[in-house]
Protein backbone atom coordinates (compact mmCIF):
# COMPACT_ATOMS: atom_id res chain seq x y z
CA MET A 1 -70.67 14.11 -13.59
CA SER A 2 -67.77 14.89 -11.59
CA LYS A 3 -65.85 18.14 -11.95
CA GLN A 4 -62.55 16.45 -12.90
CA GLN A 5 -64.68 14.21 -15.21
CA GLN A 6 -66.02 17.46 -16.88
CA GLY A 7 -62.92 19.03 -16.52
CA THR A 8 -62.00 22.84 -15.64
CA LYS A 9 -61.93 24.93 -18.19
CA HIS A 10 -60.55 28.61 -19.08
CA VAL A 11 -59.50 30.87 -21.94
CA VAL A 12 -56.20 31.83 -23.25
CA ASP A 13 -56.37 34.97 -25.79
CA ALA A 14 -58.23 32.19 -28.23
CA LEU A 15 -57.21 28.81 -26.89
CA LYS A 16 -59.66 27.02 -24.79
CA VAL A 17 -57.72 24.74 -22.00
CA LEU A 18 -59.66 21.76 -20.61
CA VAL A 19 -57.28 20.48 -17.59
CA TYR A 20 -58.56 16.83 -16.47
CA SER A 21 -57.38 14.44 -13.18
CA ASP A 22 -55.21 12.20 -15.06
CA ARG A 23 -54.88 10.99 -19.09
CA TYR A 24 -57.20 8.52 -19.37
CA VAL A 25 -59.87 11.24 -18.45
CA MET A 26 -58.41 13.43 -20.43
CA GLY A 27 -58.16 11.07 -23.74
CA ALA A 28 -61.79 10.27 -23.24
CA ALA A 29 -62.95 13.83 -22.98
CA ALA A 30 -61.07 14.74 -25.97
CA GLY A 31 -62.03 11.22 -28.17
CA THR A 32 -65.88 12.31 -27.19
CA ASP A 33 -65.51 15.91 -28.74
CA VAL A 34 -63.82 15.02 -31.81
CA ALA A 35 -66.37 12.17 -32.34
CA ALA A 36 -68.75 15.00 -32.07
CA LYS A 37 -67.19 17.28 -34.10
CA ILE A 38 -67.07 14.60 -36.86
CA LYS A 39 -70.64 13.82 -36.46
CA GLU A 40 -71.38 17.23 -36.59
CA LEU A 41 -69.76 18.19 -39.92
CA LEU A 42 -71.00 14.91 -41.77
CA LEU A 43 -74.46 15.89 -41.26
CA VAL A 44 -73.89 18.62 -43.42
CA LYS A 45 -70.91 17.39 -45.72
CA PRO A 46 -70.66 14.23 -47.55
CA SER A 47 -66.81 13.70 -46.22
CA ILE A 48 -64.60 15.59 -44.20
CA ARG A 49 -60.69 15.37 -44.43
CA MET A 50 -59.00 14.66 -40.79
CA ILE A 51 -54.68 15.21 -40.01
CA PHE A 52 -54.09 12.71 -36.94
CA ALA A 53 -50.47 13.00 -35.07
CA ALA A 54 -48.54 10.14 -34.53
CA ALA A 55 -47.35 9.84 -30.92
CA PRO A 56 -47.96 7.88 -27.50
CA SER A 57 -49.47 10.95 -25.94
CA GLN A 58 -52.68 10.39 -28.64
CA ASN A 59 -53.32 6.75 -27.33
CA GLU A 60 -56.11 7.42 -25.26
CA LEU A 61 -58.01 9.80 -27.97
CA LEU A 62 -57.10 6.89 -30.57
CA GLY A 63 -58.22 4.09 -28.39
CA HIS A 64 -61.55 6.33 -28.09
CA LEU A 65 -62.44 6.87 -31.41
CA VAL A 66 -61.71 3.64 -32.30
CA ALA A 67 -63.94 1.93 -29.75
CA ASP A 68 -66.61 4.60 -31.00
CA ASN A 69 -68.55 2.29 -33.59
CA THR A 70 -71.05 5.17 -34.81
CA ILE A 71 -68.33 7.32 -37.09
CA GLU A 72 -68.82 6.84 -40.20
CA TRP A 73 -65.01 6.33 -41.15
CA SER A 74 -65.69 5.64 -44.74
CA ARG A 75 -66.80 9.42 -45.16
CA ILE A 76 -63.00 10.30 -43.59
CA THR A 77 -60.04 11.23 -45.87
CA ALA A 78 -57.28 10.70 -43.12
CA PHE A 79 -53.67 12.43 -43.39
CA HIS A 80 -50.81 12.09 -41.10
CA MET A 81 -48.23 15.25 -39.95
CA ASP A 82 -44.72 13.98 -40.29
CA GLU A 83 -42.62 11.35 -40.72
CA TYR A 84 -38.76 10.79 -40.31
CA ILE A 85 -36.37 10.06 -43.12
CA GLY A 86 -34.21 7.30 -43.78
CA LEU A 87 -36.10 4.67 -41.68
CA PRO A 88 -36.92 1.73 -43.64
CA LYS A 89 -40.49 1.68 -44.99
CA ASN A 90 -41.72 -1.00 -43.20
CA SER A 91 -40.12 -0.01 -39.77
CA ALA A 92 -42.17 -0.33 -36.69
CA GLN A 93 -41.00 3.13 -35.44
CA THR A 94 -42.45 4.98 -38.67
CA PHE A 95 -45.50 7.14 -37.79
CA SER A 96 -47.63 5.34 -40.71
CA HIS A 97 -46.96 2.23 -39.26
CA PHE A 98 -47.86 4.07 -35.52
CA LEU A 99 -51.18 5.01 -36.91
CA ASN A 100 -51.83 2.37 -39.29
CA LYS A 101 -51.95 -0.17 -35.89
CA SER A 102 -53.45 2.56 -33.80
CA LEU A 103 -56.17 4.10 -35.80
CA PHE A 104 -56.43 3.12 -39.52
CA GLU A 105 -56.61 -0.50 -40.18
CA ARG A 106 -58.93 -0.68 -36.86
CA VAL A 107 -61.58 1.84 -38.77
CA ASN A 108 -60.86 1.71 -42.27
CA PRO A 109 -61.02 5.61 -43.47
CA GLY A 110 -62.56 6.01 -47.09
CA ILE A 111 -59.09 7.15 -47.96
CA VAL A 112 -55.84 7.60 -46.00
CA TYR A 113 -53.00 9.44 -47.35
CA LEU A 114 -49.26 8.66 -46.08
CA ILE A 115 -46.04 10.54 -46.25
CA ASP A 116 -43.99 8.39 -48.00
CA SER A 117 -40.17 9.32 -46.85
CA SER A 118 -38.51 6.82 -48.93
CA ASN A 119 -39.50 8.81 -51.81
CA SER A 120 -36.98 11.93 -52.48
CA SER A 121 -38.37 14.88 -50.38
CA ALA A 122 -38.44 16.99 -52.99
CA ALA A 123 -41.06 14.96 -55.03
CA GLU A 124 -42.91 13.79 -51.72
CA CYS A 125 -43.27 17.51 -50.66
CA LEU A 126 -45.19 18.54 -54.14
CA ARG A 127 -47.17 15.13 -54.02
CA TYR A 128 -48.39 15.50 -50.14
CA SER A 129 -48.93 19.52 -50.96
CA GLU A 130 -51.34 18.70 -53.58
CA LEU A 131 -53.07 16.14 -51.62
CA ILE A 132 -53.49 18.39 -48.64
CA GLN A 133 -54.66 21.45 -50.97
CA GLU A 134 -57.43 19.69 -52.85
CA ALA A 135 -60.13 20.27 -50.09
CA PRO A 136 -59.94 22.37 -46.76
CA ILE A 137 -58.83 20.54 -43.73
CA ASP A 138 -61.95 20.27 -41.53
CA ILE A 139 -60.32 18.70 -38.01
CA VAL A 140 -56.24 18.36 -37.10
CA CYS A 141 -55.64 16.37 -33.82
CA LEU A 142 -52.15 17.09 -32.68
CA GLY A 143 -49.71 17.66 -29.61
CA ILE A 144 -47.34 19.48 -28.19
CA GLY A 145 -43.69 18.17 -27.68
CA GLU A 146 -41.19 18.62 -24.88
CA ASN A 147 -39.45 21.62 -27.04
CA GLY A 148 -43.26 23.28 -27.84
CA HIS A 149 -42.97 22.04 -31.37
CA ILE A 150 -46.34 20.85 -33.42
CA ALA A 151 -45.64 18.16 -35.57
CA PHE A 152 -41.80 18.51 -36.32
CA ASN A 153 -41.59 22.33 -36.41
CA ASP A 154 -39.25 22.43 -33.88
CA PRO A 155 -38.30 26.31 -32.72
CA PRO A 156 -35.28 26.35 -35.19
CA VAL A 157 -37.35 25.75 -38.26
CA ALA A 158 -40.63 26.92 -37.65
CA ASP A 159 -41.85 29.64 -39.48
CA PHE A 160 -45.50 31.21 -38.55
CA ASN A 161 -45.81 32.41 -41.92
CA ASP A 162 -44.24 29.57 -44.05
CA PRO A 163 -44.50 29.73 -47.59
CA LEU A 164 -44.66 25.56 -47.99
CA LEU A 165 -47.33 22.77 -46.47
CA ILE A 166 -44.80 20.36 -46.12
CA LYS A 167 -41.14 20.80 -45.80
CA ARG A 168 -37.95 18.49 -44.91
CA VAL A 169 -36.40 19.64 -41.80
CA GLU A 170 -33.33 19.15 -39.12
CA LEU A 171 -34.60 17.35 -35.74
CA ASP A 172 -33.54 19.54 -32.90
CA ASP A 173 -31.42 17.60 -30.16
CA ALA A 174 -34.45 17.90 -27.70
CA CYS A 175 -36.76 16.83 -30.22
CA ARG A 176 -34.67 13.63 -30.95
CA GLN A 177 -34.46 12.95 -26.93
CA GLN A 178 -38.65 13.25 -26.81
CA GLN A 179 -38.37 10.38 -29.03
CA VAL A 180 -36.00 7.82 -26.65
CA ASN A 181 -38.03 9.63 -23.17
CA ASP A 182 -41.32 8.27 -25.33
CA GLY A 183 -39.95 4.86 -25.18
CA CYS A 184 -39.63 4.92 -29.61
CA PHE A 185 -36.16 4.58 -29.76
CA PRO A 186 -33.66 3.25 -27.43
CA SER A 187 -30.99 5.56 -27.80
CA PHE A 188 -30.63 9.16 -28.90
CA ALA A 189 -28.39 7.89 -31.50
CA ASP A 190 -31.29 5.87 -33.33
CA VAL A 191 -33.56 8.95 -33.53
CA PRO A 192 -33.39 9.94 -37.14
CA THR A 193 -32.21 13.28 -37.66
CA HIS A 194 -34.71 14.34 -40.61
CA ALA A 195 -37.94 14.57 -41.13
CA LEU A 196 -40.61 15.74 -43.46
CA THR A 197 -43.45 17.70 -41.32
CA LEU A 198 -46.56 19.89 -42.21
CA THR A 199 -45.95 23.29 -41.61
CA ILE A 200 -47.58 25.45 -39.16
CA PRO A 201 -49.87 27.30 -41.63
CA ALA A 202 -51.03 23.97 -42.88
CA LEU A 203 -51.78 22.68 -39.37
CA LEU A 204 -53.46 25.97 -38.51
CA ALA A 205 -55.53 26.01 -41.70
CA GLY A 206 -57.73 23.20 -40.34
CA ALA A 207 -61.42 24.50 -39.07
CA HIS A 208 -61.21 22.97 -35.90
CA LEU A 209 -57.86 21.78 -34.02
CA PHE A 210 -57.56 19.08 -31.12
CA CYS A 211 -54.26 19.27 -28.99
CA ILE A 212 -54.09 16.33 -26.33
CA VAL A 213 -51.11 16.96 -23.91
CA PRO A 214 -50.58 14.55 -21.16
CA GLY A 215 -47.61 13.96 -19.01
CA ARG A 216 -45.58 15.37 -16.30
CA THR A 217 -42.72 15.84 -19.23
CA LYS A 218 -44.78 18.37 -21.06
CA HIS A 219 -45.41 20.58 -18.04
CA GLN A 220 -42.60 22.98 -18.99
CA ALA A 221 -44.24 23.17 -22.59
CA VAL A 222 -47.81 23.36 -21.61
CA ARG A 223 -46.83 26.39 -19.14
CA ARG A 224 -44.80 27.86 -22.17
CA THR A 225 -47.59 27.68 -24.16
CA LEU A 226 -50.04 29.08 -22.24
CA ASP A 227 -47.91 31.91 -20.45
CA GLY A 228 -45.42 32.98 -22.73
CA SER A 229 -45.26 35.38 -25.77
CA ILE A 230 -46.35 33.99 -28.96
CA SER A 231 -43.05 32.95 -30.18
CA THR A 232 -41.40 30.61 -32.70
CA GLU A 233 -39.23 30.13 -29.60
CA CYS A 234 -42.07 28.04 -28.30
CA PRO A 235 -44.07 27.47 -31.80
CA SER A 236 -47.37 26.07 -29.72
CA THR A 237 -47.92 29.58 -28.57
CA ILE A 238 -49.44 29.81 -32.07
CA LEU A 239 -52.37 27.74 -31.15
CA ARG A 240 -53.15 31.11 -29.00
CA ASN A 241 -54.09 32.74 -32.16
CA HIS A 242 -56.62 30.09 -34.02
CA SER A 243 -60.19 30.42 -33.96
CA ASP A 244 -61.09 26.91 -32.52
CA CYS A 245 -58.51 25.33 -30.86
CA THR A 246 -58.85 23.14 -27.63
CA LEU A 247 -56.17 22.09 -25.22
CA TYR A 248 -56.30 18.55 -23.40
CA VAL A 249 -54.21 18.47 -20.63
CA ASP A 250 -53.81 16.55 -17.43
CA ARG A 251 -52.83 17.51 -14.14
CA ASP A 252 -49.26 16.10 -14.61
CA ALA A 253 -49.07 18.33 -17.66
CA TYR A 254 -50.42 21.68 -16.62
CA GLY A 255 -49.73 21.68 -12.81
CA PRO A 256 -51.94 22.32 -9.65
CA VAL A 257 -55.32 23.32 -10.43
């Protein structure tokens, strides 16, 4: 295996950082590691619970997991971490639709719990909080937004000590513009203004975090994550405090190695 395939590795605080030559090598490496952790945990647990991000940045990871036919998905309970408010339930732009098509309908997890944003926000937050709290979360697969958000915890609403597990938030302009940049919406005006999101404490409660962040548009967010002070001004900086989080980036996101 070449050095580029292995990735360049270093540690920032507690955060393990792996840098790959391109997003395809990066996604395969992340997928291999997530699959290995799933299998390792299922050797000692009857089932595990996982949270997934829904974004184009996760495509290579999800594709690798789908291709691994040795994962016992029937023993996995799956959640997703955020959902727009205001889109039709069957809209192709909902995150539940993204994950159903990219992963869940292809591997058939034992249980899938989706956020239903057509429900009242208060009722849905209560329902989903209760589901999250039923047992510990084993694995979280997440990304980082252009403004440093994790899930939809944008800087104005991010709270490292949030008492809630899921909440209704207003999306900031940088976050909404990213959805256009990613090709998910044709224009800024088409992007919903509000969403439901798992909070930062809910994500950090996962035992093992795998953070996948490819692309030149994420370069500034990655540098702030690694080099800046730990602050809600860049929410992803909190990943440096997690006991087992690995950040996977390609060279476009990371910069010259």
